[in-house]
Amino acid sequence: MYGCEAWTISKQTQKKLEATEMWFLRRMLRISWTAKKTNDTVLEEAHTTRLLISKIRKRQATFFGHVMRREKLEKSCNNRNVGRKTQ
């Protein structure tokens, strides 16, 4: 998940990430992929919910806030009056 702040997540990418998350949970619980268990059943057994997409969205929002604050700082540092510096 390193660098997920800059990802562009389409619906197709979101489905792939959710499928990967479920695959990880099935591997941790040692549930075979041929076993006829729904994703909801696997989530109940793991006592969890789907967290990956929400964590990515939260990190993206945090990064966006960081970038917005940084831009204001750069603008204030670079804006100067024309002419000599005053002491």
C-alpha atoms as a PDB file:
ATOM      1  CA  MET A   1       0.000   0.000   0.000  1.00  0.00           C
ATOM      2  CA  TYR A   2       2.991   2.294  -0.069  1.00  0.00           C
ATOM      3  CA  GLY A   3       2.375   5.052  -2.581  1.00  0.00           C
ATOM      4  CA  CYS A   4      -1.383   4.461  -2.750  1.00  0.00           C
ATOM      5  CA  GLU A   5      -1.936   8.160  -2.110  1.00  0.00           C
ATOM      6  CA  ALA A   6      -1.204   8.927  -5.759  1.00  0.00           C
ATOM      7  CA  TRP A   7      -3.207   6.066  -7.293  1.00  0.00           C
ATOM      8  CA  THR A   8      -6.183   6.685  -9.530  1.00  0.00           C
ATOM      9  CA  ILE A   9      -8.699   4.023  -8.553  1.00  0.00           C
ATOM     10  CA  SER A  10     -11.244   3.072 -11.193  1.00  0.00           C
ATOM     11  CA  LYS A  11     -14.139   0.678 -10.613  1.00  0.00           C
ATOM     12  CA  GLN A  12     -12.137  -2.109 -12.245  1.00  0.00           C
ATOM     13  CA  THR A  13      -9.136  -1.459 -10.009  1.00  0.00           C
ATOM     14  CA  GLN A  14     -11.393  -1.290  -6.958  1.00  0.00           C
ATOM     15  CA  LYS A  15     -12.865  -4.712  -7.792  1.00  0.00           C
ATOM     16  CA  LYS A  16      -9.378  -6.174  -8.182  1.00  0.00           C
ATOM     17  CA  LEU A  17      -8.270  -4.734  -4.836  1.00  0.00           C
ATOM     18  CA  GLU A  18     -11.364  -6.100  -3.094  1.00  0.00           C
ATOM     19  CA  ALA A  19     -10.800  -9.530  -4.668  1.00  0.00           C
ATOM     20  CA  THR A  20      -7.179  -9.471  -3.517  1.00  0.00           C
ATOM     21  CA  GLU A  21      -8.255  -8.531   0.000  1.00  0.00           C
ATOM     22  CA  MET A  22     -10.668 -11.465   0.087  1.00  0.00           C
ATOM     23  CA  TRP A  23      -7.951 -13.768  -1.247  1.00  0.00           C
ATOM     24  CA  PHE A  24      -5.665 -12.649   1.606  1.00  0.00           C
ATOM     25  CA  LEU A  25      -8.398 -13.349   4.167  1.00  0.00           C
ATOM     26  CA  ARG A  26      -9.083 -16.791   2.702  1.00  0.00           C
ATOM     27  CA  ARG A  27      -5.373 -17.613   2.836  1.00  0.00           C
ATOM     28  CA  MET A  28      -5.107 -16.468   6.473  1.00  0.00           C
ATOM     29  CA  LEU A  29      -8.124 -18.562   7.460  1.00  0.00           C
ATOM     30  CA  ARG A  30      -6.926 -21.505   5.333  1.00  0.00           C
ATOM     31  CA  ILE A  31     -10.121 -21.615   3.309  1.00  0.00           C
ATOM     32  CA  SER A  32      -9.661 -23.292  -0.044  1.00  0.00           C
ATOM     33  CA  TRP A  33     -10.674 -21.301  -3.099  1.00  0.00           C
ATOM     34  CA  THR A  34     -12.740 -24.311  -4.179  1.00  0.00           C
ATOM     35  CA  ALA A  35     -14.743 -24.230  -0.937  1.00  0.00           C
ATOM     36  CA  LYS A  36     -18.270 -22.936  -1.487  1.00  0.00           C
ATOM     37  CA  LYS A  37     -18.110 -20.057   0.990  1.00  0.00           C
ATOM     38  CA  THR A  38     -19.375 -16.589   0.227  1.00  0.00           C
ATOM     39  CA  ASN A  39     -17.311 -13.499   0.878  1.00  0.00           C
ATOM     40  CA  ASP A  40     -19.752 -12.476   3.615  1.00  0.00           C
ATOM     41  CA  THR A  41     -19.169 -15.788   5.396  1.00  0.00           C
ATOM     42  CA  VAL A  42     -15.415 -15.339   5.164  1.00  0.00           C
ATOM     43  CA  LEU A  43     -15.691 -11.805   6.564  1.00  0.00           C
ATOM     44  CA  GLU A  44     -17.818 -13.080   9.474  1.00  0.00           C
ATOM     45  CA  GLU A  45     -15.292 -15.815  10.253  1.00  0.00           C
ATOM     46  CA  ALA A  46     -12.479 -13.255  10.230  1.00  0.00           C
ATOM     47  CA  HIS A  47     -14.536 -10.880  12.452  1.00  0.00           C
ATOM     48  CA  THR A  48     -13.757  -7.989  10.122  1.00  0.00           C
ATOM     49  CA  THR A  49     -15.092  -5.879   7.282  1.00  0.00           C
ATOM     50  CA  ARG A  50     -13.586  -4.783   3.992  1.00  0.00           C
ATOM     51  CA  LEU A  51     -10.987  -2.243   5.023  1.00  0.00           C
ATOM     52  CA  LEU A  52      -8.551  -1.896   2.135  1.00  0.00           C
ATOM     53  CA  ILE A  53     -10.460   0.582  -0.045  1.00  0.00           C
ATOM     54  CA  SER A  54     -11.461   2.741   2.927  1.00  0.00           C
ATOM     55  CA  LYS A  55      -7.839   2.887   4.129  1.00  0.00           C
ATOM     56  CA  ILE A  56      -6.672   3.889   0.651  1.00  0.00           C
ATOM     57  CA  ARG A  57      -9.332   6.621   0.431  1.00  0.00           C
ATOM     58  CA  LYS A  58      -8.338   7.928   3.880  1.00  0.00           C
ATOM     59  CA  ARG A  59      -4.659   8.054   2.924  1.00  0.00           C
ATOM     60  CA  GLN A  60      -5.533   9.853  -0.313  1.00  0.00           C
ATOM     61  CA  ALA A  61      -7.547  12.459   1.588  1.00  0.00           C
ATOM     62  CA  THR A  62      -4.711  12.955   4.073  1.00  0.00           C
ATOM     63  CA  PHE A  63      -2.215  13.357   1.246  1.00  0.00           C
ATOM     64  CA  PHE A  64      -4.510  15.820  -0.531  1.00  0.00           C
ATOM     65  CA  GLY A  65      -4.674  17.945   2.617  1.00  0.00           C
ATOM     66  CA  HIS A  66      -0.894  17.820   2.896  1.00  0.00           C
ATOM     67  CA  VAL A  67      -0.481  18.959  -0.717  1.00  0.00           C
ATOM     68  CA  MET A  68      -3.003  21.766  -0.311  1.00  0.00           C
ATOM     69  CA  ARG A  69      -1.225  23.095   2.774  1.00  0.00           C
ATOM     70  CA  ARG A  70       2.154  22.817   1.064  1.00  0.00           C
ATOM     71  CA  GLU A  71       1.026  24.838  -1.932  1.00  0.00           C
ATOM     72  CA  LYS A  72      -0.026  27.750   0.281  1.00  0.00           C
ATOM     73  CA  LEU A  73       3.338  27.703   2.037  1.00  0.00           C
ATOM     74  CA  GLU A  74       5.248  27.733  -1.247  1.00  0.00           C
ATOM     75  CA  LYS A  75       3.188  30.626  -2.570  1.00  0.00           C
ATOM     76  CA  SER A  76       3.796  32.720   0.534  1.00  0.00           C
ATOM     77  CA  CYS A  77       7.543  32.028   0.455  1.00  0.00           C
ATOM     78  CA  ASN A  78       7.910  32.857  -3.226  1.00  0.00           C
ATOM     79  CA  ASN A  79       5.809  36.036  -3.251  1.00  0.00           C
ATOM     80  CA  ARG A  80       8.044  39.009  -2.630  1.00  0.00           C
ATOM     81  CA  ASN A  81       8.000  42.651  -3.509  1.00  0.00           C
ATOM     82  CA  VAL A  82      10.050  43.681  -6.523  1.00  0.00           C
ATOM     83  CA  GLY A  83      13.274  45.512  -5.690  1.00  0.00           C
ATOM     84  CA  ARG A  84      15.852  45.421  -2.975  1.00  0.00           C
ATOM     85  CA  LYS A  85      15.372  43.563   0.262  1.00  0.00           C
ATOM     86  CA  THR A  86      14.676  45.798   3.220  1.00  0.00           C
ATOM     87  CA  GLN A  87      16.399  45.297   6.499  1.00  0.00           C
END
